[in-house]
Each structure stands twice: as structure tokens, then as C-alpha cells.
Amino acid sequence: MRKLFSLLLIAMSITTARAQGTGAMRQACGDDVRTLCSGIMPGGGRIKQCMIEKFDKLSDVCKTALKEAKAQQSGK
């Protein structure tokens, strides 16, 4: 159940970050995307899906940024 919640959190946060165009999210998660999802062609939600599948391997900085983006979305 905890993993499902984490996966939902990351999916929502990535979508929110993309919609808001936050540079902070890109900065926090950029290295993770390049490292964990380097072979993934952008578009069609493929990067987001890759990050969801590799959530456990994301850096703490990226996870924190995702949680903050989710908190900002909830606060609006």
C-alpha cells in the first residue's frame, strides 16, 4: 500500500511540475532522469512512467522535490 501511495504521489507531482514548469523539479530530478531513464524516448508519459517504476532508486533530493510539489498542489 505504501508503494502504491508513493507511485501515485510521484505521478501527480511530475504532472504538476510539468504543468507549472518548475525549474526546481527539473534541477532536483534531472540527474535521476538522466541516470535511471537514459534510454527512454521523451513523450507520451514515458519518462514519468520510468520514474514511477524506479521510484525506490530516486535520490532523496528528487523525492523531496516531488513531495514539496505535491504539498503545493494540495495547498492551492
PDB file of N, CA and C in Angstrom:
ATOM      1  N   MET A   1       0.822  -1.184   0.000  1.00  0.00           N
ATOM      2  CA  MET A   1       0.000   0.000   0.000  1.00  0.00           C
ATOM      3  C   MET A   1       0.870   1.253   0.000  1.00  0.00           C
ATOM      4  N   ARG A   2       1.953   1.229   0.765  1.00  0.00           N
ATOM      5  CA  ARG A   2       2.858   2.381   0.839  1.00  0.00           C
ATOM      6  C   ARG A   2       3.495   2.651  -0.518  1.00  0.00           C
ATOM      7  N   LYS A   3       3.861   1.602  -1.220  1.00  0.00           N
ATOM      8  CA  LYS A   3       4.475   1.771  -2.540  1.00  0.00           C
ATOM      9  C   LYS A   3       3.461   2.352  -3.523  1.00  0.00           C
ATOM     10  N   LEU A   4       2.218   1.910  -3.449  1.00  0.00           N
ATOM     11  CA  LEU A   4       1.176   2.435  -4.317  1.00  0.00           C
ATOM     12  C   LEU A   4       0.994   3.928  -4.069  1.00  0.00           C
ATOM     13  N   PHE A   5       0.966   4.319  -2.803  1.00  0.00           N
ATOM     14  CA  PHE A   5       0.849   5.733  -2.466  1.00  0.00           C
ATOM     15  C   PHE A   5       2.034   6.512  -3.034  1.00  0.00           C
ATOM     16  N   SER A   6       3.222   5.972  -2.902  1.00  0.00           N
ATOM     17  CA  SER A   6       4.418   6.638  -3.429  1.00  0.00           C
ATOM     18  C   SER A   6       4.344   6.788  -4.936  1.00  0.00           C
ATOM     19  N   LEU A   7       3.867   5.763  -5.605  1.00  0.00           N
ATOM     20  CA  LEU A   7       3.747   5.825  -7.062  1.00  0.00           C
ATOM     21  C   LEU A   7       2.722   6.867  -7.484  1.00  0.00           C
ATOM     22  N   LEU A   8       1.617   6.930  -6.777  1.00  0.00           N
ATOM     23  CA  LEU A   8       0.610   7.950  -7.077  1.00  0.00           C
ATOM     24  C   LEU A   8       1.156   9.342  -6.808  1.00  0.00           C
ATOM     25  N   LEU A   9       1.894   9.484  -5.730  1.00  0.00           N
ATOM     26  CA  LEU A   9       2.496  10.766  -5.379  1.00  0.00           C
ATOM     27  C   LEU A   9       3.443  11.237  -6.479  1.00  0.00           C
ATOM     28  N   ILE A  10       4.300  10.371  -6.937  1.00  0.00           N
ATOM     29  CA  ILE A  10       5.259  10.769  -7.970  1.00  0.00           C
ATOM     30  C   ILE A  10       4.546  11.108  -9.280  1.00  0.00           C
ATOM     31  N   ALA A  11       3.548  10.335  -9.651  1.00  0.00           N
ATOM     32  CA  ALA A  11       2.830  10.609 -10.894  1.00  0.00           C
ATOM     33  C   ALA A  11       2.145  11.965 -10.844  1.00  0.00           C
ATOM     34  N   MET A  12       1.488  12.240  -9.740  1.00  0.00           N
ATOM     35  CA  MET A  12       0.807  13.518  -9.596  1.00  0.00           C
ATOM     36  C   MET A  12       1.792  14.669  -9.529  1.00  0.00           C
ATOM     37  N   SER A  13       2.885  14.480  -8.844  1.00  0.00           N
ATOM     38  CA  SER A  13       3.870  15.540  -8.694  1.00  0.00           C
ATOM     39  C   SER A  13       4.570  15.859 -10.002  1.00  0.00           C
ATOM     40  N   ILE A  14       4.895  14.841 -10.764  1.00  0.00           N
ATOM     41  CA  ILE A  14       5.534  15.065 -12.059  1.00  0.00           C
ATOM     42  C   ILE A  14       4.589  15.822 -12.972  1.00  0.00           C
ATOM     43  N   THR A  15       3.337  15.422 -12.974  1.00  0.00           N
ATOM     44  CA  THR A  15       2.348  16.104 -13.802  1.00  0.00           C
ATOM     45  C   THR A  15       2.196  17.552 -13.370  1.00  0.00           C
ATOM     46  N   THR A  16       2.136  17.777 -12.066  1.00  0.00           N
ATOM     47  CA  THR A  16       2.016  19.130 -11.539  1.00  0.00           C
ATOM     48  C   THR A  16       3.237  19.958 -11.891  1.00  0.00           C
ATOM     49  N   ALA A  17       4.397  19.397 -11.718  1.00  0.00           N
ATOM     50  CA  ALA A  17       5.633  20.121 -12.015  1.00  0.00           C
ATOM     51  C   ALA A  17       5.700  20.493 -13.485  1.00  0.00           C
ATOM     52  N   ARG A  18       5.294  19.601 -14.330  1.00  0.00           N
ATOM     53  CA  ARG A  18       5.305  19.882 -15.764  1.00  0.00           C
ATOM     54  C   ARG A  18       4.336  21.004 -16.073  1.00  0.00           C
ATOM     55  N   ALA A  19       3.153  20.961 -15.480  1.00  0.00           N
ATOM     56  CA  ALA A  19       2.155  21.991 -15.737  1.00  0.00           C
ATOM     57  C   ALA A  19       2.626  23.355 -15.239  1.00  0.00           C
ATOM     58  N   GLN A  20       3.326  23.378 -14.122  1.00  0.00           N
ATOM     59  CA  GLN A  20       3.796  24.630 -13.550  1.00  0.00           C
ATOM     60  C   GLN A  20       5.135  25.051 -14.140  1.00  0.00           C
ATOM     61  N   GLY A  21       5.807  24.145 -14.832  1.00  0.00           N
ATOM     62  CA  GLY A  21       7.094  24.456 -15.441  1.00  0.00           C
ATOM     63  C   GLY A  21       8.169  24.763 -14.408  1.00  0.00           C
ATOM     64  N   THR A  22       8.171  24.053 -13.299  1.00  0.00           N
ATOM     65  CA  THR A  22       9.125  24.342 -12.241  1.00  0.00           C
ATOM     66  C   THR A  22      10.526  23.909 -12.600  1.00  0.00           C
ATOM     67  N   GLY A  23      11.417  24.862 -12.552  1.00  0.00           N
ATOM     68  CA  GLY A  23      12.831  24.564 -12.774  1.00  0.00           C
ATOM     69  C   GLY A  23      13.426  23.798 -11.617  1.00  0.00           C
ATOM     70  N   ALA A  24      12.865  24.015 -10.421  1.00  0.00           N
ATOM     71  CA  ALA A  24      13.373  23.325  -9.238  1.00  0.00           C
ATOM     72  C   ALA A  24      13.208  21.814  -9.366  1.00  0.00           C
ATOM     73  N   MET A  25      12.089  21.396  -9.912  1.00  0.00           N
ATOM     74  CA  MET A  25      11.837  19.959 -10.084  1.00  0.00           C
ATOM     75  C   MET A  25      12.826  19.379 -11.095  1.00  0.00           C
ATOM     76  N   ARG A  26      13.031  20.100 -12.175  1.00  0.00           N
ATOM     77  CA  ARG A  26      13.977  19.615 -13.176  1.00  0.00           C
ATOM     78  C   ARG A  26      15.385  19.549 -12.605  1.00  0.00           C
ATOM     79  N   GLN A  27      15.728  20.541 -11.820  1.00  0.00           N
ATOM     80  CA  GLN A  27      17.064  20.557 -11.219  1.00  0.00           C
ATOM     81  C   GLN A  27      17.214  19.414 -10.221  1.00  0.00           C
ATOM     82  N   ALA A  28      16.193  19.190  -9.402  1.00  0.00           N
ATOM     83  CA  ALA A  28      16.259  18.156  -8.371  1.00  0.00           C
ATOM     84  C   ALA A  28      16.248  16.747  -8.947  1.00  0.00           C
ATOM     85  N   CYS A  29      15.511  16.548 -10.034  1.00  0.00           N
ATOM     86  CA  CYS A  29      15.327  15.193 -10.570  1.00  0.00           C
ATOM     87  C   CYS A  29      16.055  14.955 -11.889  1.00  0.00           C
ATOM     88  N   GLY A  30      16.677  15.980 -12.432  1.00  0.00           N
ATOM     89  CA  GLY A  30      17.324  15.851 -13.739  1.00  0.00           C
ATOM     90  C   GLY A  30      18.373  14.762 -13.790  1.00  0.00           C
ATOM     91  N   ASP A  31      19.233  14.711 -12.776  1.00  0.00           N
ATOM     92  CA  ASP A  31      20.272  13.674 -12.762  1.00  0.00           C
ATOM     93  C   ASP A  31      19.661  12.283 -12.678  1.00  0.00           C
ATOM     94  N   ASP A  32      18.598  12.149 -11.889  1.00  0.00           N
ATOM     95  CA  ASP A  32      17.928  10.851 -11.768  1.00  0.00           C
ATOM     96  C   ASP A  32      17.344  10.419 -13.108  1.00  0.00           C
ATOM     97  N   VAL A  33      16.709  11.360 -13.795  1.00  0.00           N
ATOM     98  CA  VAL A  33      16.125  11.033 -15.101  1.00  0.00           C
ATOM     99  C   VAL A  33      17.226  10.612 -16.067  1.00  0.00           C
ATOM    100  N   ARG A  34      18.314  11.378 -16.084  1.00  0.00           N
ATOM    101  CA  ARG A  34      19.415  11.039 -17.000  1.00  0.00           C
ATOM    102  C   ARG A  34      20.040   9.688 -16.652  1.00  0.00           C
ATOM    103  N   THR A  35      20.145   9.389 -15.368  1.00  0.00           N
ATOM    104  CA  THR A  35      20.779   8.140 -14.940  1.00  0.00           C
ATOM    105  C   THR A  35      19.845   6.940 -15.063  1.00  0.00           C
ATOM    106  N   LEU A  36      18.638   7.072 -14.568  1.00  0.00           N
ATOM    107  CA  LEU A  36      17.724   5.932 -14.482  1.00  0.00           C
ATOM    108  C   LEU A  36      16.887   5.720 -15.737  1.00  0.00           C
ATOM    109  N   CYS A  37      16.681   6.780 -16.502  1.00  0.00           N
ATOM    110  CA  CYS A  37      15.775   6.698 -17.646  1.00  0.00           C
ATOM    111  C   CYS A  37      16.456   7.153 -18.936  1.00  0.00           C
ATOM    112  N   SER A  38      17.760   6.973 -19.015  1.00  0.00           N
ATOM    113  CA  SER A  38      18.528   7.496 -20.151  1.00  0.00           C
ATOM    114  C   SER A  38      18.105   6.908 -21.493  1.00  0.00           C
ATOM    115  N   GLY A  39      17.641   5.698 -21.520  1.00  0.00           N
ATOM    116  CA  GLY A  39      17.267   5.070 -22.776  1.00  0.00           C
ATOM    117  C   GLY A  39      15.817   5.290 -23.167  1.00  0.00           C
ATOM    118  N   ILE A  40      15.116   6.099 -22.418  1.00  0.00           N
ATOM    119  CA  ILE A  40      13.686   6.309 -22.657  1.00  0.00           C
ATOM    120  C   ILE A  40      13.489   7.532 -23.546  1.00  0.00           C
ATOM    121  N   MET A  41      12.715   7.368 -24.605  1.00  0.00           N
ATOM    122  CA  MET A  41      12.397   8.468 -25.512  1.00  0.00           C
ATOM    123  C   MET A  41      11.318   9.336 -24.862  1.00  0.00           C
ATOM    124  N   PRO A  42      11.569  10.638 -24.720  1.00  0.00           N
ATOM    125  CA  PRO A  42      10.558  11.518 -24.119  1.00  0.00           C
ATOM    126  C   PRO A  42       9.271  11.559 -24.944  1.00  0.00           C
ATOM    127  N   GLY A  43       8.183  11.831 -24.236  1.00  0.00           N
ATOM    128  CA  GLY A  43       6.877  11.946 -24.882  1.00  0.00           C
ATOM    129  C   GLY A  43       5.954  10.819 -24.486  1.00  0.00           C
ATOM    130  N   GLY A  44       4.693  11.120 -24.475  1.00  0.00           N
ATOM    131  CA  GLY A  44       3.693  10.103 -24.173  1.00  0.00           C
ATOM    132  C   GLY A  44       3.722   9.609 -22.740  1.00  0.00           C
ATOM    133  N   GLY A  45       4.346  10.374 -21.834  1.00  0.00           N
ATOM    134  CA  GLY A  45       4.401   9.979 -20.436  1.00  0.00           C
ATOM    135  C   GLY A  45       5.429   8.910 -20.126  1.00  0.00           C
ATOM    136  N   ARG A  46       6.324   8.638 -21.083  1.00  0.00           N
ATOM    137  CA  ARG A  46       7.292   7.557 -20.878  1.00  0.00           C
ATOM    138  C   ARG A  46       8.304   7.869 -19.775  1.00  0.00           C
ATOM    139  N   ILE A  47       8.754   9.115 -19.663  1.00  0.00           N
ATOM    140  CA  ILE A  47       9.702   9.479 -18.606  1.00  0.00           C
ATOM    141  C   ILE A  47       9.026   9.365 -17.250  1.00  0.00           C
ATOM    142  N   LYS A  48       7.808   9.868 -17.165  1.00  0.00           N
ATOM    143  CA  LYS A  48       7.049   9.762 -15.913  1.00  0.00           C
ATOM    144  C   LYS A  48       6.885   8.302 -15.509  1.00  0.00           C
ATOM    145  N   GLN A  49       6.545   7.448 -16.463  1.00  0.00           N
ATOM    146  CA  GLN A  49       6.379   6.023 -16.169  1.00  0.00           C
ATOM    147  C   GLN A  49       7.687   5.408 -15.703  1.00  0.00           C
ATOM    148  N   CYS A  50       8.789   5.797 -16.322  1.00  0.00           N
ATOM    149  CA  CYS A  50      10.097   5.297 -15.915  1.00  0.00           C
ATOM    150  C   CYS A  50      10.384   5.683 -14.467  1.00  0.00           C
ATOM    151  N   MET A  51      10.104   6.935 -14.128  1.00  0.00           N
ATOM    152  CA  MET A  51      10.357   7.397 -12.760  1.00  0.00           C
ATOM    153  C   MET A  51       9.460   6.677 -11.758  1.00  0.00           C
ATOM    154  N   ILE A  52       8.234   6.402 -12.146  1.00  0.00           N
ATOM    155  CA  ILE A  52       7.333   5.651 -11.267  1.00  0.00           C
ATOM    156  C   ILE A  52       7.895   4.252 -11.025  1.00  0.00           C
ATOM    157  N   GLU A  53       8.337   3.619 -12.088  1.00  0.00           N
ATOM    158  CA  GLU A  53       8.865   2.259 -11.967  1.00  0.00           C
ATOM    159  C   GLU A  53      10.152   2.213 -11.141  1.00  0.00           C
ATOM    160  N   LYS A  54      10.916   3.297 -11.150  1.00  0.00           N
ATOM    161  CA  LYS A  54      12.202   3.331 -10.447  1.00  0.00           C
ATOM    162  C   LYS A  54      12.168   4.239  -9.226  1.00  0.00           C
ATOM    163  N   PHE A  55      10.980   4.450  -8.683  1.00  0.00           N
ATOM    164  CA  PHE A  55      10.804   5.362  -7.558  1.00  0.00           C
ATOM    165  C   PHE A  55      11.752   5.055  -6.409  1.00  0.00           C
ATOM    166  N   ASP A  56      11.923   3.789  -6.101  1.00  0.00           N
ATOM    167  CA  ASP A  56      12.782   3.391  -4.973  1.00  0.00           C
ATOM    168  C   ASP A  56      14.241   3.785  -5.187  1.00  0.00           C
ATOM    169  N   LYS A  57      14.634   4.004  -6.440  1.00  0.00           N
ATOM    170  CA  LYS A  57      16.021   4.344  -6.746  1.00  0.00           C
ATOM    171  C   LYS A  57      16.250   5.852  -6.892  1.00  0.00           C
ATOM    172  N   LEU A  58      15.184   6.655  -6.829  1.00  0.00           N
ATOM    173  CA  LEU A  58      15.333   8.104  -6.961  1.00  0.00           C
ATOM    174  C   LEU A  58      16.130   8.655  -5.789  1.00  0.00           C
ATOM    175  N   SER A  59      16.856   9.728  -6.041  1.00  0.00           N
ATOM    176  CA  SER A  59      17.633  10.368  -4.985  1.00  0.00           C
ATOM    177  C   SER A  59      16.695  11.005  -3.961  1.00  0.00           C
ATOM    178  N   ASP A  60      17.220  11.204  -2.765  1.00  0.00           N
ATOM    179  CA  ASP A  60      16.428  11.853  -1.717  1.00  0.00           C
ATOM    180  C   ASP A  60      16.042  13.271  -2.128  1.00  0.00           C
ATOM    181  N   VAL A  61      16.931  13.954  -2.841  1.00  0.00           N
ATOM    182  CA  VAL A  61      16.648  15.319  -3.298  1.00  0.00           C
ATOM    183  C   VAL A  61      15.435  15.318  -4.228  1.00  0.00           C
ATOM    184  N   CYS A  62      15.392  14.376  -5.136  1.00  0.00           N
ATOM    185  CA  CYS A  62      14.276  14.281  -6.067  1.00  0.00           C
ATOM    186  C   CYS A  62      12.982  13.920  -5.333  1.00  0.00           C
ATOM    187  N   LYS A  63      13.048  12.958  -4.453  1.00  0.00           N
ATOM    188  CA  LYS A  63      11.855  12.566  -3.689  1.00  0.00           C
ATOM    189  C   LYS A  63      11.323  13.741  -2.881  1.00  0.00           C
ATOM    190  N   THR A  64      12.227  14.518  -2.279  1.00  0.00           N
ATOM    191  CA  THR A  64      11.810  15.692  -1.504  1.00  0.00           C
ATOM    192  C   THR A  64      11.127  16.714  -2.411  1.00  0.00           C
ATOM    193  N   ALA A  65      11.690  16.956  -3.583  1.00  0.00           N
ATOM    194  CA  ALA A  65      11.094  17.905  -4.528  1.00  0.00           C
ATOM    195  C   ALA A  65       9.708  17.437  -4.967  1.00  0.00           C
ATOM    196  N   LEU A  66       9.557  16.146  -5.181  1.00  0.00           N
ATOM    197  CA  LEU A  66       8.259  15.603  -5.560  1.00  0.00           C
ATOM    198  C   LEU A  66       7.238  15.792  -4.444  1.00  0.00           C
ATOM    199  N   LYS A  67       7.661  15.552  -3.214  1.00  0.00           N
ATOM    200  CA  LYS A  67       6.765  15.720  -2.075  1.00  0.00           C
ATOM    201  C   LYS A  67       6.375  17.186  -1.901  1.00  0.00           C
ATOM    202  N   GLU A  68       7.328  18.097  -2.105  1.00  0.00           N
ATOM    203  CA  GLU A  68       7.034  19.527  -1.994  1.00  0.00           C
ATOM    204  C   GLU A  68       6.065  19.976  -3.084  1.00  0.00           C
ATOM    205  N   ALA A  69       6.254  19.468  -4.290  1.00  0.00           N
ATOM    206  CA  ALA A  69       5.340  19.804  -5.386  1.00  0.00           C
ATOM    207  C   ALA A  69       3.937  19.309  -5.070  1.00  0.00           C
ATOM    208  N   LYS A  70       3.844  18.130  -4.482  1.00  0.00           N
ATOM    209  CA  LYS A  70       2.546  17.579  -4.098  1.00  0.00           C
ATOM    210  C   LYS A  70       1.919  18.438  -3.008  1.00  0.00           C
ATOM    211  N   ALA A  71       2.719  18.874  -2.040  1.00  0.00           N
ATOM    212  CA  ALA A  71       2.194  19.702  -0.954  1.00  0.00           C
ATOM    213  C   ALA A  71       1.700  21.043  -1.498  1.00  0.00           C
ATOM    214  N   GLN A  72       2.408  21.633  -2.444  1.00  0.00           N
ATOM    215  CA  GLN A  72       1.985  22.885  -3.050  1.00  0.00           C
ATOM    216  C   GLN A  72       0.680  22.691  -3.821  1.00  0.00           C
ATOM    217  N   GLN A  73       0.565  21.564  -4.493  1.00  0.00           N
ATOM    218  CA  GLN A  73      -0.665  21.279  -5.240  1.00  0.00           C
ATOM    219  C   GLN A  73      -1.840  21.136  -4.277  1.00  0.00           C
ATOM    220  N   SER A  74      -1.613  20.482  -3.159  1.00  0.00           N
ATOM    221  CA  SER A  74      -2.679  20.276  -2.180  1.00  0.00           C
ATOM    222  C   SER A  74      -3.068  21.578  -1.484  1.00  0.00           C
ATOM    223  N   GLY A  75      -2.098  22.482  -1.365  1.00  0.00           N
ATOM    224  CA  GLY A  75      -2.344  23.751  -0.675  1.00  0.00           C
ATOM    225  C   GLY A  75      -3.088  24.767  -1.486  1.00  0.00           C
ATOM    226  N   LYS A  76      -3.271  24.524  -2.769  1.00  0.00           N
ATOM    227  CA  LYS A  76      -3.948  25.505  -3.635  1.00  0.00           C
ATOM    228  C   LYS A  76      -5.431  25.358  -3.574  1.00  0.00           C
TER     229      LYS A  76
END
